[in-house]
Protein backbone atom coordinates (compact mmCIF):
# COMPACT_ATOMS: atom_id res chain seq x y z
CA VAL A 1 0.00 0.00 0.00
CA SER A 2 1.40 3.33 -1.03
CA PRO A 3 1.78 6.21 1.44
CA VAL A 4 -0.21 8.25 -1.06
CA LEU A 5 -3.28 6.17 -0.14
CA HIS A 6 -3.01 7.11 3.54
CA ARG A 7 -4.63 10.20 5.01
CA SER A 8 -2.10 10.19 7.82
CA PHE A 9 1.59 9.80 7.06
CA GLU A 10 2.23 9.12 10.77
CA ALA A 11 -0.12 6.12 10.60
CA PHE A 12 1.72 4.87 7.53
CA ILE A 13 5.15 4.86 9.17
CA ALA A 14 4.04 3.29 12.49
CA ASP A 15 5.11 -0.29 13.28
CA ASP A 16 3.09 -2.77 11.19
CA SER A 17 0.99 0.19 10.18
CA VAL A 18 0.04 -1.10 6.75
CA SER A 19 -1.51 -4.29 8.11
CA GLN A 20 -3.30 -2.45 10.89
CA TYR A 21 -4.42 0.34 8.59
CA ILE A 22 -5.94 -2.19 6.20
CA ALA A 23 -7.46 -4.30 9.00
CA ASP A 24 -9.15 -1.22 10.46
CA ARG A 25 -10.82 -0.44 7.13
CA LEU A 26 -11.44 -3.73 5.34
CA THR A 27 -13.75 -6.65 5.93
CA ILE A 28 -13.33 -9.57 3.56
CA VAL A 29 -16.67 -11.11 2.57
CA ILE A 30 -16.67 -14.71 1.37
CA THR A 31 -19.84 -16.34 0.14
CA ALA A 32 -20.77 -20.00 0.07
CA ALA A 33 -23.73 -21.69 -1.53
CA PRO A 34 -24.77 -25.25 -2.32
CA ILE A 35 -22.34 -26.67 -4.87
CA PRO A 36 -21.69 -30.23 -6.10
CA SER A 37 -18.52 -30.60 -4.00
CA ASN A 38 -20.45 -30.25 -0.72
CA PRO A 39 -19.85 -31.40 2.00
CA SER A 40 -16.14 -30.89 1.27
CA THR A 41 -14.61 -27.69 2.69
CA THR A 42 -11.56 -27.93 0.41
CA LEU A 43 -12.55 -25.04 -1.87
CA LEU A 44 -13.10 -22.73 1.09
CA THR A 45 -9.79 -23.82 2.60
CA TRP A 46 -8.03 -22.92 -0.65
CA VAL A 47 -9.60 -19.45 -0.54
CA LEU A 48 -8.54 -18.93 3.07
CA GLN A 49 -5.02 -20.19 2.33
CA SER A 50 -4.72 -17.78 -0.59
CA LEU A 51 -5.74 -14.89 1.68
CA TRP A 52 -3.14 -16.00 4.22
CA GLN A 53 -0.46 -15.59 1.54
CA MET A 54 -1.04 -11.83 1.74
CA PRO A 55 0.31 -10.79 5.16
CA ASP A 56 -1.41 -7.41 5.06
CA LEU A 57 -4.80 -9.15 4.94
CA ARG A 58 -4.23 -11.57 7.83
CA GLN A 59 -5.61 -9.23 10.48
CA CYS A 60 -8.69 -8.24 8.48
CA LYS A 61 -12.09 -9.26 9.71
CA ARG A 62 -13.71 -11.92 7.56
CA LEU A 63 -17.37 -12.58 7.10
CA LEU A 64 -18.47 -15.89 5.66
CA VAL A 65 -21.99 -15.65 4.26
CA LEU A 66 -23.81 -18.94 3.80
CA ASP A 67 -26.52 -18.65 1.21
CA HIS A 68 -29.84 -20.37 1.82
CA HIS A 69 -30.57 -23.22 -0.54
CA LYS A 70 -33.15 -22.75 -3.27
CA PRO A 71 -36.45 -24.60 -2.79
CA THR A 72 -35.78 -26.45 -6.07
CA LEU A 73 -32.61 -28.06 -4.72
CA THR A 74 -32.89 -31.84 -4.38
CA VAL A 75 -33.16 -33.33 -0.90
CA GLU A 76 -29.78 -34.99 -1.39
CA ARG A 77 -28.09 -31.68 -2.27
CA GLN A 78 -29.81 -30.00 0.71
CA GLU A 79 -28.46 -32.69 3.03
CA ARG A 80 -24.97 -32.33 1.54
CA TYR A 81 -25.10 -28.56 2.08
CA GLN A 82 -26.21 -29.07 5.70
CA ALA A 83 -23.26 -31.45 6.18
CA PHE A 84 -20.95 -28.80 4.64
CA LYS A 85 -22.21 -26.19 7.12
CA LYS A 86 -21.66 -28.60 10.02
CA ARG A 87 -18.09 -29.32 8.86
CA LEU A 88 -17.52 -25.61 8.42
CA ARG A 89 -18.54 -24.81 11.99
CA SER A 90 -16.18 -27.48 13.27
CA CYS A 91 -13.41 -26.16 11.05
CA MET A 92 -13.94 -22.62 12.35
CA ASP A 93 -13.38 -23.83 15.92
CA ASN A 94 -10.14 -25.63 15.09
CA ASN A 95 -8.50 -23.93 12.10
CA PRO A 96 -6.16 -20.92 12.51
CA LEU A 97 -7.11 -19.84 8.98
CA CYS A 98 -10.54 -19.00 10.41
CA LEU A 99 -9.30 -16.43 12.91
CA ASN A 100 -11.26 -13.17 12.81
CA MET A 101 -14.02 -14.85 10.84
CA ASP A 102 -17.71 -14.54 11.60
CA LEU A 103 -20.48 -16.61 10.10
CA LEU A 104 -23.72 -15.23 8.69
CA GLU A 105 -26.26 -17.81 7.63
CA LEU A 106 -29.04 -16.46 5.43
CA ARG A 107 -32.47 -17.89 6.22
CA ASP A 108 -34.17 -17.36 2.88
CA HIS A 109 -33.20 -16.93 -0.73
């Protein structure tokens, strides 16, 4: 991040200021919906790992939004999505990649 993007030069030159400056202003929103790979959390893990590769984004708040399934979704796909959400909650409790992440589950489509 360039000092030109900062309103305060003092904030820019402070220790770890870039990461903190970004974390104070940015929330990363990740969405999830029923997909054929459910209940696997591998795709989400890849996304979180890619974010971890950018040190300035590690402190940012993250919001994971779980879309509600469409009424036309088959019972099997609904069950697989429910299993995905259960795995996800367990993962959030045990995975350091999920630090600073909140979960928002939408109730209707």
